């Protein structure tokens, strides 16, 4: 009887581990798809930008600068984009 319960316990443990793996793989696939949709390359004012949810943040030429400069330019690019969207209304 003990061997039957041991086998059942082992199968149940295996099932739980495989289920956890499947759930983790699905979660990672959803996150990957969301990341591909959210972070893209787009053209804005004749230049290529890395964008987040359709908002241009980093120009290609910004990638060679220091981090504080990159962040400053990203903020300015965001403000420019936001102002252009406000003028469209």
C-alpha atoms as a PDB file:
ATOM      1  CA  UNK A   1       0.000   0.000   0.000  1.00  0.00           C
ATOM      2  CA  UNK A   2       2.842   2.378   0.797  1.00  0.00           C
ATOM      3  CA  UNK A   3       4.292   1.970  -2.704  1.00  0.00           C
ATOM      4  CA  UNK A   4       0.941   2.863  -4.305  1.00  0.00           C
ATOM      5  CA  UNK A   5       0.700   6.022  -2.195  1.00  0.00           C
ATOM      6  CA  UNK A   6       4.326   6.857  -2.956  1.00  0.00           C
ATOM      7  CA  UNK A   7       3.686   6.464  -6.702  1.00  0.00           C
ATOM      8  CA  UNK A   8       0.539   8.578  -6.462  1.00  0.00           C
ATOM      9  CA  UNK A   9       2.390  11.249  -4.489  1.00  0.00           C
ATOM     10  CA  UNK A  10       5.225  11.275  -7.034  1.00  0.00           C
ATOM     11  CA  UNK A  11       2.810  11.576  -9.981  1.00  0.00           C
ATOM     12  CA  UNK A  12       0.932  14.375  -8.254  1.00  0.00           C
ATOM     13  CA  UNK A  13       4.184  16.203  -7.549  1.00  0.00           C
ATOM     14  CA  UNK A  14       5.265  15.782 -11.189  1.00  0.00           C
ATOM     15  CA  UNK A  15       1.893  17.070 -12.390  1.00  0.00           C
ATOM     16  CA  UNK A  16       2.169  20.142 -10.136  1.00  0.00           C
ATOM     17  CA  UNK A  17       5.684  20.902 -11.369  1.00  0.00           C
ATOM     18  CA  UNK A  18       4.698  20.514 -15.032  1.00  0.00           C
ATOM     19  CA  UNK A  19       1.622  22.684 -14.476  1.00  0.00           C
ATOM     20  CA  UNK A  20       3.765  25.375 -12.866  1.00  0.00           C
ATOM     21  CA  UNK A  21       6.141  25.215 -15.844  1.00  0.00           C
ATOM     22  CA  UNK A  22       3.253  25.523 -18.310  1.00  0.00           C
ATOM     23  CA  UNK A  23       1.851  28.495 -16.417  1.00  0.00           C
ATOM     24  CA  UNK A  24       5.267  30.170 -16.332  1.00  0.00           C
ATOM     25  CA  UNK A  25       5.777  29.576 -20.075  1.00  0.00           C
ATOM     26  CA  UNK A  26       2.360  31.085 -20.862  1.00  0.00           C
ATOM     27  CA  UNK A  27       3.091  34.077 -18.649  1.00  0.00           C
ATOM     28  CA  UNK A  28       6.462  34.619 -20.340  1.00  0.00           C
ATOM     29  CA  UNK A  29       4.883  34.325 -23.803  1.00  0.00           C
ATOM     30  CA  UNK A  30       2.261  36.943 -22.865  1.00  0.00           C
ATOM     31  CA  UNK A  31       4.931  39.270 -21.499  1.00  0.00           C
ATOM     32  CA  UNK A  32       7.075  38.812 -24.616  1.00  0.00           C
ATOM     33  CA  UNK A  33       4.117  39.624 -26.875  1.00  0.00           C
ATOM     34  CA  UNK A  34       3.234  42.663 -24.769  1.00  0.00           C
ATOM     35  CA  UNK A  35       6.836  43.886 -24.862  1.00  0.00           C
ATOM     36  CA  UNK A  36       7.009  43.472 -28.655  1.00  0.00           C
ATOM     37  CA  UNK A  37       3.821  45.487 -29.007  1.00  0.00           C
ATOM     38  CA  UNK A  38       4.743  48.191 -26.473  1.00  0.00           C
ATOM     39  CA  UNK A  39       8.400  48.810 -27.415  1.00  0.00           C
ATOM     40  CA  UNK A  40       8.965  49.471 -31.095  1.00  0.00           C
ATOM     41  CA  UNK A  41      10.881  51.596 -33.574  1.00  0.00           C
ATOM     42  CA  UNK A  42       8.928  54.408 -35.194  1.00  0.00           C
ATOM     43  CA  UNK A  43       9.510  57.399 -37.421  1.00  0.00           C
ATOM     44  CA  UNK A  44       8.783  60.822 -35.918  1.00  0.00           C
ATOM     45  CA  UNK A  45       9.622  64.141 -37.574  1.00  0.00           C
ATOM     46  CA  UNK A  46      11.753  62.359 -40.157  1.00  0.00           C
ATOM     47  CA  UNK A  47      13.933  60.478 -37.651  1.00  0.00           C
ATOM     48  CA  UNK A  48      13.890  56.958 -36.208  1.00  0.00           C
ATOM     49  CA  UNK A  49      13.034  56.593 -32.540  1.00  0.00           C
ATOM     50  CA  UNK A  50      12.672  53.796 -30.025  1.00  0.00           C
ATOM     51  CA  UNK A  51       9.089  54.199 -28.864  1.00  0.00           C
ATOM     52  CA  UNK A  52       7.040  53.008 -25.922  1.00  0.00           C
ATOM     53  CA  UNK A  53       3.314  52.583 -26.577  1.00  0.00           C
ATOM     54  CA  UNK A  54       3.571  54.815 -29.626  1.00  0.00           C
ATOM     55  CA  UNK A  55       5.480  57.590 -27.850  1.00  0.00           C
ATOM     56  CA  UNK A  56       8.898  58.344 -29.403  1.00  0.00           C
ATOM     57  CA  UNK A  57      11.533  58.449 -26.684  1.00  0.00           C
ATOM     58  CA  UNK A  58      15.051  57.702 -27.896  1.00  0.00           C
ATOM     59  CA  UNK A  59      16.413  58.840 -31.225  1.00  0.00           C
ATOM     60  CA  UNK A  60      19.003  56.655 -32.889  1.00  0.00           C
ATOM     61  CA  UNK A  61      21.698  59.301 -32.343  1.00  0.00           C
ATOM     62  CA  UNK A  62      20.887  59.381 -28.590  1.00  0.00           C
ATOM     63  CA  UNK A  63      22.245  55.875 -28.137  1.00  0.00           C
ATOM     64  CA  UNK A  64      25.861  57.105 -28.231  1.00  0.00           C
ATOM     65  CA  UNK A  65      25.456  59.567 -25.343  1.00  0.00           C
ATOM     66  CA  UNK A  66      25.674  59.280 -21.575  1.00  0.00           C
ATOM     67  CA  UNK A  67      22.650  58.122 -19.620  1.00  0.00           C
ATOM     68  CA  UNK A  68      21.734  61.554 -18.186  1.00  0.00           C
ATOM     69  CA  UNK A  69      21.859  63.058 -21.690  1.00  0.00           C
ATOM     70  CA  UNK A  70      19.759  60.200 -23.076  1.00  0.00           C
ATOM     71  CA  UNK A  71      17.123  60.690 -20.372  1.00  0.00           C
ATOM     72  CA  UNK A  72      17.093  64.439 -20.953  1.00  0.00           C
ATOM     73  CA  UNK A  73      16.603  63.945 -24.691  1.00  0.00           C
ATOM     74  CA  UNK A  74      13.912  61.303 -24.081  1.00  0.00           C
ATOM     75  CA  UNK A  75      12.013  63.768 -21.907  1.00  0.00           C
ATOM     76  CA  UNK A  76      12.329  66.465 -24.554  1.00  0.00           C
ATOM     77  CA  UNK A  77      11.202  64.038 -27.274  1.00  0.00           C
ATOM     78  CA  UNK A  78       8.199  63.123 -25.140  1.00  0.00           C
ATOM     79  CA  UNK A  79       7.309  66.786 -24.631  1.00  0.00           C
ATOM     80  CA  UNK A  80       7.651  67.459 -28.369  1.00  0.00           C
ATOM     81  CA  UNK A  81       5.435  64.487 -29.194  1.00  0.00           C
ATOM     82  CA  UNK A  82       2.861  65.498 -26.575  1.00  0.00           C
ATOM     83  CA  UNK A  83       2.768  69.079 -27.854  1.00  0.00           C
ATOM     84  CA  UNK A  84       2.287  67.866 -31.422  1.00  0.00           C
ATOM     85  CA  UNK A  85      -0.610  65.658 -30.292  1.00  0.00           C
ATOM     86  CA  UNK A  86      -2.208  68.598 -28.489  1.00  0.00           C
ATOM     87  CA  UNK A  87      -2.001  70.704 -31.662  1.00  0.00           C
ATOM     88  CA  UNK A  88      -3.708  67.922 -33.623  1.00  0.00           C
ATOM     89  CA  UNK A  89      -6.847  68.323 -31.475  1.00  0.00           C
END
